[in-house]
Amino acid sequence: IVFPQFLRPNQNLPSHGFARISTWKYVHHEIDEKNSIIAIFSLIQNDKILSLWPYKFNLMYIVELSENALTTKLEIKNIGTESFSFQALLHTYINVKNISNTIISGLKDKMYTNQLIKEGNQLIKEVDEEKKINDESDSIFSNIENEINVETSERKISVK
């Protein structure tokens, strides 16, 4: 979970913020009418976080596990009187056995930056319907609202 910044625009904060390296509190879990298990976790400011970032907030991370899907949601609430700007994202990692057998679709015409090149902040337009990954890759796509498919020799995963 990335919050309140992606990468490191504010040098006083850790890269990708503090949410991913903080201890979250388990709130509760339930089983819904579809037999899915829903667990809720919370992160609020503490003295250590307030020393880095002086805003009052409450993050709720909701994880739903159903028979065929894992759904996650992050809710951010400002519980203070001062407004603040932030960046947040749920960073997706997919374990693959052989990267050269990996194809990603759903990114055609989307803009991204390639963090492996010297000019990593230059926007590049994806031109391929299917992107085959042949070697190390560190591309950051923004504002993706459609479904992305990752296909390996073992399985196909949809990310929405």
N, C-alpha and C. Protein backbone atom coordinates (compact mmCIF):
# COMPACT_ATOMS: atom_id res chain seq x y z
N ILE A 1 0.85 -1.17 0.00
CA ILE A 1 0.00 0.00 0.00
C ILE A 1 0.90 1.23 0.00
N VAL A 2 0.74 2.06 -1.01
CA VAL A 2 1.53 3.28 -1.13
C VAL A 2 0.69 4.45 -0.65
N PHE A 3 1.18 5.16 0.37
CA PHE A 3 0.52 6.35 0.92
C PHE A 3 1.52 7.04 1.83
N PRO A 4 1.65 8.33 1.84
CA PRO A 4 0.95 9.36 1.09
C PRO A 4 1.69 9.82 -0.17
N GLN A 5 2.74 9.11 -0.57
CA GLN A 5 3.44 9.51 -1.79
C GLN A 5 3.93 8.30 -2.55
N PHE A 6 4.00 8.46 -3.86
CA PHE A 6 4.59 7.46 -4.74
C PHE A 6 5.98 7.93 -5.11
N LEU A 7 6.92 7.01 -5.20
CA LEU A 7 8.34 7.31 -5.38
C LEU A 7 8.78 8.16 -4.18
N ARG A 8 9.43 9.31 -4.42
CA ARG A 8 9.90 10.09 -3.27
C ARG A 8 9.95 11.59 -3.55
N PRO A 9 8.81 12.21 -3.89
CA PRO A 9 8.83 13.66 -4.12
C PRO A 9 9.15 14.45 -2.84
N ASN A 10 8.74 13.94 -1.67
CA ASN A 10 9.05 14.56 -0.39
C ASN A 10 10.17 13.74 0.24
N GLN A 11 11.37 14.31 0.28
CA GLN A 11 12.54 13.60 0.79
C GLN A 11 12.47 13.30 2.29
N ASN A 12 11.55 13.94 3.01
CA ASN A 12 11.39 13.67 4.44
C ASN A 12 10.63 12.37 4.71
N LEU A 13 9.95 11.87 3.68
CA LEU A 13 9.18 10.63 3.82
C LEU A 13 9.91 9.48 3.14
N PRO A 14 9.66 8.26 3.59
CA PRO A 14 10.25 7.11 2.90
C PRO A 14 9.70 7.00 1.47
N SER A 15 10.46 6.36 0.61
CA SER A 15 9.98 6.10 -0.75
C SER A 15 8.67 5.32 -0.67
N HIS A 16 7.68 5.74 -1.40
CA HIS A 16 6.33 5.15 -1.41
C HIS A 16 5.59 5.40 -0.10
N GLY A 17 6.07 6.32 0.73
CA GLY A 17 5.36 6.68 1.94
C GLY A 17 5.58 5.72 3.08
N PHE A 18 4.73 5.84 4.11
CA PHE A 18 4.91 5.06 5.32
C PHE A 18 3.88 3.95 5.50
N ALA A 19 2.81 3.93 4.74
CA ALA A 19 1.74 2.94 4.96
C ALA A 19 2.24 1.51 4.78
N ARG A 20 3.10 1.30 3.80
CA ARG A 20 3.56 -0.07 3.51
C ARG A 20 4.52 -0.61 4.56
N ILE A 21 5.12 0.28 5.36
CA ILE A 21 6.07 -0.17 6.38
C ILE A 21 5.54 0.06 7.80
N SER A 22 4.27 0.39 7.91
CA SER A 22 3.65 0.62 9.22
C SER A 22 2.90 -0.62 9.68
N THR A 23 2.64 -0.66 10.96
CA THR A 23 1.84 -1.75 11.52
C THR A 23 0.37 -1.37 11.47
N TRP A 24 -0.40 -2.18 10.78
CA TRP A 24 -1.84 -1.95 10.64
C TRP A 24 -2.58 -2.69 11.75
N LYS A 25 -3.74 -2.16 12.13
CA LYS A 25 -4.56 -2.77 13.15
C LYS A 25 -5.69 -3.57 12.49
N TYR A 26 -5.83 -4.82 12.91
CA TYR A 26 -6.97 -5.63 12.46
C TYR A 26 -8.23 -5.07 13.11
N VAL A 27 -9.26 -4.77 12.30
CA VAL A 27 -10.51 -4.21 12.82
C VAL A 27 -11.54 -5.31 13.03
N HIS A 28 -11.89 -6.00 11.95
CA HIS A 28 -12.81 -7.14 12.06
C HIS A 28 -12.90 -7.87 10.73
N HIS A 29 -13.62 -8.98 10.73
CA HIS A 29 -13.89 -9.72 9.50
C HIS A 29 -15.33 -10.20 9.52
N GLU A 30 -15.81 -10.54 8.34
CA GLU A 30 -17.17 -11.05 8.21
C GLU A 30 -17.26 -11.95 6.99
N ILE A 31 -18.30 -12.74 6.95
CA ILE A 31 -18.59 -13.56 5.78
C ILE A 31 -19.90 -13.04 5.22
N ASP A 32 -19.87 -12.62 3.94
CA ASP A 32 -21.08 -12.02 3.36
C ASP A 32 -22.00 -13.08 2.77
N GLU A 33 -23.10 -12.61 2.14
CA GLU A 33 -24.13 -13.50 1.60
C GLU A 33 -23.63 -14.36 0.44
N LYS A 34 -22.51 -13.98 -0.20
CA LYS A 34 -21.93 -14.78 -1.30
C LYS A 34 -20.86 -15.73 -0.79
N ASN A 35 -20.73 -15.82 0.54
CA ASN A 35 -19.74 -16.66 1.19
C ASN A 35 -18.31 -16.15 1.00
N SER A 36 -18.17 -14.88 0.71
CA SER A 36 -16.86 -14.25 0.62
C SER A 36 -16.42 -13.82 2.02
N ILE A 37 -15.13 -13.88 2.26
CA ILE A 37 -14.57 -13.42 3.53
C ILE A 37 -14.05 -12.00 3.32
N ILE A 38 -14.48 -11.10 4.18
CA ILE A 38 -14.07 -9.70 4.11
C ILE A 38 -13.34 -9.35 5.41
N ALA A 39 -12.11 -8.87 5.27
CA ALA A 39 -11.33 -8.45 6.44
C ALA A 39 -11.00 -6.97 6.30
N ILE A 40 -11.05 -6.25 7.42
CA ILE A 40 -10.80 -4.81 7.41
C ILE A 40 -9.65 -4.50 8.37
N PHE A 41 -8.72 -3.68 7.87
CA PHE A 41 -7.56 -3.25 8.63
C PHE A 41 -7.52 -1.73 8.63
N SER A 42 -6.94 -1.15 9.68
CA SER A 42 -6.91 0.30 9.82
C SER A 42 -5.50 0.78 10.14
N LEU A 43 -5.18 1.97 9.62
CA LEU A 43 -3.94 2.65 9.98
C LEU A 43 -4.27 4.10 10.28
N ILE A 44 -3.92 4.55 11.48
CA ILE A 44 -4.09 5.95 11.84
C ILE A 44 -2.73 6.50 12.26
N GLN A 45 -2.64 7.81 12.29
CA GLN A 45 -1.37 8.42 12.65
C GLN A 45 -0.99 8.05 14.08
N ASN A 46 0.31 7.99 14.31
CA ASN A 46 0.85 7.81 15.65
C ASN A 46 2.01 8.81 15.77
N ASP A 47 2.72 8.79 16.88
CA ASP A 47 3.79 9.78 17.09
C ASP A 47 4.86 9.69 16.01
N LYS A 48 5.23 8.48 15.63
CA LYS A 48 6.27 8.31 14.61
C LYS A 48 5.80 8.87 13.26
N ILE A 49 4.57 8.55 12.87
CA ILE A 49 4.03 9.05 11.60
C ILE A 49 3.87 10.57 11.66
N LEU A 50 3.36 11.10 12.78
CA LEU A 50 3.19 12.55 12.91
C LEU A 50 4.51 13.29 12.84
N SER A 51 5.61 12.66 13.23
CA SER A 51 6.92 13.31 13.12
C SER A 51 7.37 13.42 11.67
N LEU A 52 6.82 12.55 10.79
CA LEU A 52 7.15 12.59 9.36
C LEU A 52 6.14 13.40 8.56
N TRP A 53 4.86 13.30 8.95
CA TRP A 53 3.75 13.85 8.16
C TRP A 53 2.69 14.34 9.14
N PRO A 54 2.48 15.65 9.27
CA PRO A 54 1.70 16.21 10.38
C PRO A 54 0.18 16.24 10.19
N TYR A 55 -0.37 15.37 9.37
CA TYR A 55 -1.80 15.40 9.10
C TYR A 55 -2.51 14.23 9.77
N LYS A 56 -3.74 14.48 10.19
CA LYS A 56 -4.53 13.43 10.84
C LYS A 56 -5.39 12.73 9.80
N PHE A 57 -5.35 11.42 9.79
CA PHE A 57 -6.03 10.62 8.77
C PHE A 57 -6.43 9.28 9.34
N ASN A 58 -7.25 8.59 8.60
CA ASN A 58 -7.59 7.19 8.89
C ASN A 58 -7.62 6.45 7.56
N LEU A 59 -6.82 5.41 7.45
CA LEU A 59 -6.83 4.55 6.27
C LEU A 59 -7.56 3.26 6.63
N MET A 60 -8.44 2.85 5.77
CA MET A 60 -9.11 1.55 5.93
C MET A 60 -8.76 0.70 4.71
N TYR A 61 -8.23 -0.48 4.95
CA TYR A 61 -7.87 -1.41 3.88
C TYR A 61 -8.82 -2.58 3.98
N ILE A 62 -9.64 -2.75 2.94
CA ILE A 62 -10.66 -3.79 2.91
C ILE A 62 -10.22 -4.87 1.93
N VAL A 63 -10.14 -6.10 2.40
CA VAL A 63 -9.71 -7.23 1.59
C VAL A 63 -10.86 -8.23 1.52
N GLU A 64 -11.28 -8.56 0.29
CA GLU A 64 -12.36 -9.53 0.11
C GLU A 64 -11.83 -10.72 -0.68
N LEU A 65 -11.99 -11.90 -0.10
CA LEU A 65 -11.55 -13.13 -0.73
C LEU A 65 -12.78 -13.97 -1.05
N SER A 66 -13.02 -14.16 -2.35
CA SER A 66 -14.15 -15.00 -2.78
C SER A 66 -13.59 -16.24 -3.46
N GLU A 67 -14.46 -17.07 -3.97
CA GLU A 67 -14.03 -18.33 -4.58
C GLU A 67 -13.07 -18.11 -5.75
N ASN A 68 -13.30 -17.06 -6.55
CA ASN A 68 -12.50 -16.85 -7.76
C ASN A 68 -11.80 -15.50 -7.84
N ALA A 69 -11.80 -14.73 -6.76
CA ALA A 69 -11.21 -13.39 -6.87
C ALA A 69 -10.70 -12.90 -5.52
N LEU A 70 -9.73 -12.01 -5.62
CA LEU A 70 -9.23 -11.25 -4.49
C LEU A 70 -9.48 -9.78 -4.83
N THR A 71 -10.27 -9.10 -3.99
CA THR A 71 -10.60 -7.71 -4.23
C THR A 71 -10.08 -6.89 -3.05
N THR A 72 -9.40 -5.79 -3.37
CA THR A 72 -8.89 -4.92 -2.31
C THR A 72 -9.37 -3.49 -2.56
N LYS A 73 -9.54 -2.76 -1.47
CA LYS A 73 -9.99 -1.38 -1.57
C LYS A 73 -9.33 -0.59 -0.44
N LEU A 74 -8.93 0.63 -0.76
CA LEU A 74 -8.33 1.52 0.22
C LEU A 74 -9.21 2.75 0.38
N GLU A 75 -9.64 3.04 1.60
CA GLU A 75 -10.43 4.23 1.89
C GLU A 75 -9.57 5.17 2.74
N ILE A 76 -9.55 6.43 2.35
CA ILE A 76 -8.73 7.44 3.02
C ILE A 76 -9.65 8.53 3.54
N LYS A 77 -9.53 8.83 4.82
CA LYS A 77 -10.38 9.85 5.42
C LYS A 77 -9.50 10.85 6.17
N ASN A 78 -9.72 12.14 5.89
CA ASN A 78 -9.06 13.21 6.61
C ASN A 78 -9.87 13.44 7.89
N ILE A 79 -9.28 13.16 9.05
CA ILE A 79 -10.00 13.34 10.32
C ILE A 79 -9.50 14.58 11.06
N GLY A 80 -8.66 15.37 10.39
CA GLY A 80 -8.18 16.62 10.97
C GLY A 80 -8.91 17.81 10.39
N THR A 81 -8.43 18.98 10.71
CA THR A 81 -9.05 20.22 10.21
C THR A 81 -8.28 20.82 9.04
N GLU A 82 -7.07 20.34 8.81
CA GLU A 82 -6.22 20.86 7.74
C GLU A 82 -6.29 19.94 6.52
N SER A 83 -6.50 20.53 5.35
CA SER A 83 -6.52 19.71 4.13
C SER A 83 -5.10 19.28 3.77
N PHE A 84 -4.99 18.18 3.02
CA PHE A 84 -3.68 17.71 2.58
C PHE A 84 -3.81 17.03 1.22
N SER A 85 -2.72 17.07 0.48
CA SER A 85 -2.62 16.37 -0.79
C SER A 85 -1.88 15.06 -0.56
N PHE A 86 -2.21 14.06 -1.37
CA PHE A 86 -1.54 12.77 -1.21
C PHE A 86 -1.61 11.99 -2.50
N GLN A 87 -0.80 10.96 -2.58
CA GLN A 87 -0.86 9.96 -3.63
C GLN A 87 -1.08 8.62 -2.94
N ALA A 88 -1.88 7.76 -3.54
CA ALA A 88 -2.14 6.44 -2.96
C ALA A 88 -2.31 5.44 -4.08
N LEU A 89 -1.83 4.24 -3.85
CA LEU A 89 -2.06 3.16 -4.80
C LEU A 89 -1.83 1.84 -4.13
N LEU A 90 -2.44 0.83 -4.70
CA LEU A 90 -2.24 -0.55 -4.26
C LEU A 90 -1.26 -1.16 -5.25
N HIS A 91 -0.04 -1.33 -4.82
CA HIS A 91 1.06 -1.78 -5.68
C HIS A 91 0.91 -3.28 -5.94
N THR A 92 0.79 -3.64 -7.21
CA THR A 92 0.55 -5.04 -7.58
C THR A 92 1.86 -5.74 -7.92
N TYR A 93 2.07 -6.87 -7.28
CA TYR A 93 3.20 -7.74 -7.60
C TYR A 93 2.63 -9.10 -8.01
N ILE A 94 3.12 -9.63 -9.11
CA ILE A 94 2.66 -10.94 -9.57
C ILE A 94 3.87 -11.83 -9.72
N ASN A 95 3.85 -12.96 -9.04
CA ASN A 95 4.96 -13.90 -9.09
C ASN A 95 4.85 -14.74 -10.36
N VAL A 96 5.88 -14.70 -11.19
CA VAL A 96 5.92 -15.52 -12.41
C VAL A 96 7.21 -16.33 -12.40
N LYS A 97 7.13 -17.56 -12.92
CA LYS A 97 8.30 -18.43 -12.93
C LYS A 97 9.31 -18.04 -13.99
N ASN A 98 8.81 -17.61 -15.16
CA ASN A 98 9.72 -17.28 -16.26
C ASN A 98 9.20 -16.02 -16.94
N ILE A 99 9.89 -14.91 -16.73
CA ILE A 99 9.43 -13.62 -17.25
C ILE A 99 9.31 -13.61 -18.76
N SER A 100 10.14 -14.40 -19.46
CA SER A 100 10.10 -14.40 -20.92
C SER A 100 8.83 -15.05 -21.48
N ASN A 101 8.06 -15.70 -20.63
CA ASN A 101 6.77 -16.27 -21.05
C ASN A 101 5.59 -15.42 -20.61
N THR A 102 5.83 -14.15 -20.33
CA THR A 102 4.80 -13.27 -19.79
C THR A 102 4.33 -12.27 -20.84
N ILE A 103 3.01 -12.18 -20.99
CA ILE A 103 2.40 -11.23 -21.93
C ILE A 103 1.38 -10.39 -21.15
N ILE A 104 1.45 -9.08 -21.35
CA ILE A 104 0.51 -8.16 -20.70
C ILE A 104 -0.34 -7.50 -21.77
N SER A 105 -1.65 -7.51 -21.57
CA SER A 105 -2.56 -6.85 -22.51
C SER A 105 -3.45 -5.87 -21.76
N GLY A 106 -3.96 -4.88 -22.49
CA GLY A 106 -4.84 -3.87 -21.90
C GLY A 106 -4.16 -2.53 -21.69
N LEU A 107 -2.93 -2.39 -22.18
CA LEU A 107 -2.19 -1.14 -21.96
C LEU A 107 -2.00 -0.32 -23.23
N LYS A 108 -2.53 -0.80 -24.37
CA LYS A 108 -2.35 -0.07 -25.63
C LYS A 108 -2.86 1.37 -25.50
N ASP A 109 -2.07 2.30 -26.00
CA ASP A 109 -2.35 3.74 -26.01
C ASP A 109 -2.25 4.38 -24.62
N LYS A 110 -1.83 3.65 -23.61
CA LYS A 110 -1.65 4.23 -22.27
C LYS A 110 -0.25 4.82 -22.17
N MET A 111 -0.12 5.87 -21.37
CA MET A 111 1.14 6.56 -21.18
C MET A 111 1.86 6.01 -19.96
N TYR A 112 3.20 5.91 -20.08
CA TYR A 112 4.00 5.39 -18.97
C TYR A 112 5.38 6.01 -18.96
N THR A 113 6.07 5.84 -17.84
CA THR A 113 7.48 6.22 -17.74
C THR A 113 8.28 4.95 -17.50
N ASN A 114 9.47 4.88 -18.07
CA ASN A 114 10.37 3.75 -17.90
C ASN A 114 11.45 4.16 -16.91
N GLN A 115 11.41 3.59 -15.72
CA GLN A 115 12.34 3.97 -14.66
C GLN A 115 13.76 3.44 -14.87
N LEU A 116 13.96 2.58 -15.88
CA LEU A 116 15.28 2.02 -16.14
C LEU A 116 16.13 2.87 -17.08
N ILE A 117 15.52 3.88 -17.68
CA ILE A 117 16.31 4.74 -18.56
C ILE A 117 16.63 6.05 -17.85
N LYS A 118 17.69 6.70 -18.28
CA LYS A 118 18.17 7.91 -17.61
C LYS A 118 17.08 8.99 -17.53
N GLU A 119 16.33 9.15 -18.59
CA GLU A 119 15.25 10.13 -18.63
C GLU A 119 13.94 9.45 -18.19
N GLY A 120 13.94 8.88 -16.99
CA GLY A 120 12.82 8.08 -16.51
C GLY A 120 11.51 8.81 -16.36
N ASN A 121 11.53 10.14 -16.40
CA ASN A 121 10.29 10.90 -16.26
C ASN A 121 9.65 11.25 -17.60
N GLN A 122 10.24 10.79 -18.71
CA GLN A 122 9.70 11.06 -20.04
C GLN A 122 8.51 10.14 -20.31
N LEU A 123 7.39 10.71 -20.74
CA LEU A 123 6.19 9.91 -21.03
C LEU A 123 6.35 9.19 -22.37
N ILE A 124 5.98 7.92 -22.36
CA ILE A 124 6.04 7.07 -23.54
C ILE A 124 4.65 6.49 -23.76
N LYS A 125 4.23 6.37 -25.01
CA LYS A 125 2.92 5.79 -25.32
C LYS A 125 3.11 4.32 -25.68
N GLU A 126 2.34 3.45 -25.02
CA GLU A 126 2.39 2.02 -25.34
C GLU A 126 1.67 1.80 -26.67
N VAL A 127 2.32 1.14 -27.60
CA VAL A 127 1.76 0.97 -28.94
C VAL A 127 1.27 -0.45 -29.21
N ASP A 128 1.65 -1.41 -28.39
CA ASP A 128 1.30 -2.81 -28.65
C ASP A 128 0.04 -3.23 -27.91
N GLU A 129 -0.78 -4.05 -28.59
CA GLU A 129 -1.94 -4.67 -27.93
C GLU A 129 -1.48 -5.62 -26.83
N GLU A 130 -0.47 -6.41 -27.16
CA GLU A 130 0.11 -7.35 -26.20
C GLU A 130 1.58 -7.02 -26.02
N LYS A 131 1.99 -6.85 -24.80
CA LYS A 131 3.38 -6.50 -24.50
C LYS A 131 4.06 -7.74 -23.93
N LYS A 132 5.06 -8.23 -24.65
CA LYS A 132 5.82 -9.38 -24.18
C LYS A 132 7.00 -8.87 -23.37
N ILE A 133 7.18 -9.42 -22.19
CA ILE A 133 8.27 -9.00 -21.32
C ILE A 133 9.44 -9.95 -21.56
N ASN A 134 10.56 -9.38 -22.04
CA ASN A 134 11.73 -10.20 -22.35
C ASN A 134 12.87 -10.03 -21.37
N ASP A 135 12.88 -8.94 -20.61
CA ASP A 135 13.96 -8.69 -19.66
C ASP A 135 13.45 -7.78 -18.55
N GLU A 136 14.35 -7.27 -17.75
CA GLU A 136 13.97 -6.43 -16.63
C GLU A 136 13.10 -5.27 -17.09
N SER A 137 12.07 -4.97 -16.30
CA SER A 137 11.13 -3.91 -16.65
C SER A 137 10.74 -3.15 -15.39
N ASP A 138 10.68 -1.84 -15.50
CA ASP A 138 10.21 -1.00 -14.39
C ASP A 138 9.47 0.18 -15.00
N SER A 139 8.26 -0.08 -15.48
CA SER A 139 7.45 0.94 -16.13
C SER A 139 6.31 1.34 -15.21
N ILE A 140 6.03 2.63 -15.17
CA ILE A 140 4.95 3.15 -14.34
C ILE A 140 3.86 3.70 -15.25
N PHE A 141 2.72 3.03 -15.26
CA PHE A 141 1.54 3.47 -16.00
C PHE A 141 0.64 4.20 -15.03
N SER A 142 0.02 5.29 -15.49
CA SER A 142 -0.86 6.08 -14.63
C SER A 142 -2.28 6.09 -15.19
N ASN A 143 -3.23 6.29 -14.29
CA ASN A 143 -4.64 6.46 -14.66
C ASN A 143 -5.18 5.30 -15.49
N ILE A 144 -4.92 4.09 -15.07
CA ILE A 144 -5.43 2.90 -15.75
C ILE A 144 -6.77 2.55 -15.11
N GLU A 145 -7.82 2.61 -15.90
CA GLU A 145 -9.15 2.32 -15.38
C GLU A 145 -9.73 1.04 -15.97
N ASN A 146 -9.10 0.51 -17.01
CA ASN A 146 -9.61 -0.70 -17.63
C ASN A 146 -8.91 -1.94 -17.05
N GLU A 147 -9.41 -3.09 -17.41
CA GLU A 147 -8.84 -4.35 -16.96
C GLU A 147 -7.52 -4.63 -17.67
N ILE A 148 -6.54 -5.10 -16.92
CA ILE A 148 -5.24 -5.50 -17.45
C ILE A 148 -5.12 -7.01 -17.27
N ASN A 149 -4.64 -7.70 -18.30
CA ASN A 149 -4.46 -9.14 -18.22
C ASN A 149 -2.98 -9.48 -18.27
N VAL A 150 -2.57 -10.34 -17.36
CA VAL A 150 -1.20 -10.84 -17.31
C VAL A 150 -1.27 -12.34 -17.56
N GLU A 151 -0.63 -12.77 -18.64
CA GLU A 151 -0.68 -14.18 -19.01
C GLU A 151 0.72 -14.77 -18.98
N THR A 152 0.85 -15.87 -18.26
CA THR A 152 2.12 -16.60 -18.20
C THR A 152 1.86 -18.01 -18.70
N SER A 153 2.90 -18.82 -18.73
CA SER A 153 2.71 -20.21 -19.15
C SER A 153 1.90 -20.99 -18.11
N GLU A 154 1.82 -20.47 -16.89
CA GLU A 154 1.09 -21.17 -15.82
C GLU A 154 -0.37 -20.73 -15.66
N ARG A 155 -0.65 -19.43 -15.94
CA ARG A 155 -2.00 -18.92 -15.63
C ARG A 155 -2.24 -17.57 -16.28
N LYS A 156 -3.50 -17.13 -16.19
CA LYS A 156 -3.89 -15.81 -16.66
C LYS A 156 -4.54 -15.09 -15.49
N ILE A 157 -4.09 -13.86 -15.24
CA ILE A 157 -4.59 -13.08 -14.11
C ILE A 157 -5.16 -11.77 -14.68
N SER A 158 -6.34 -11.40 -14.19
CA SER A 158 -6.94 -10.12 -14.56
C SER A 158 -6.82 -9.17 -13.37
N VAL A 159 -6.36 -7.96 -13.66
CA VAL A 159 -6.24 -6.93 -12.65
C VAL A 159 -7.19 -5.81 -13.05
N LYS A 160 -8.13 -5.49 -12.15
CA LYS A 160 -9.13 -4.46 -12.44
C LYS A 160 -8.91 -3.28 -11.54
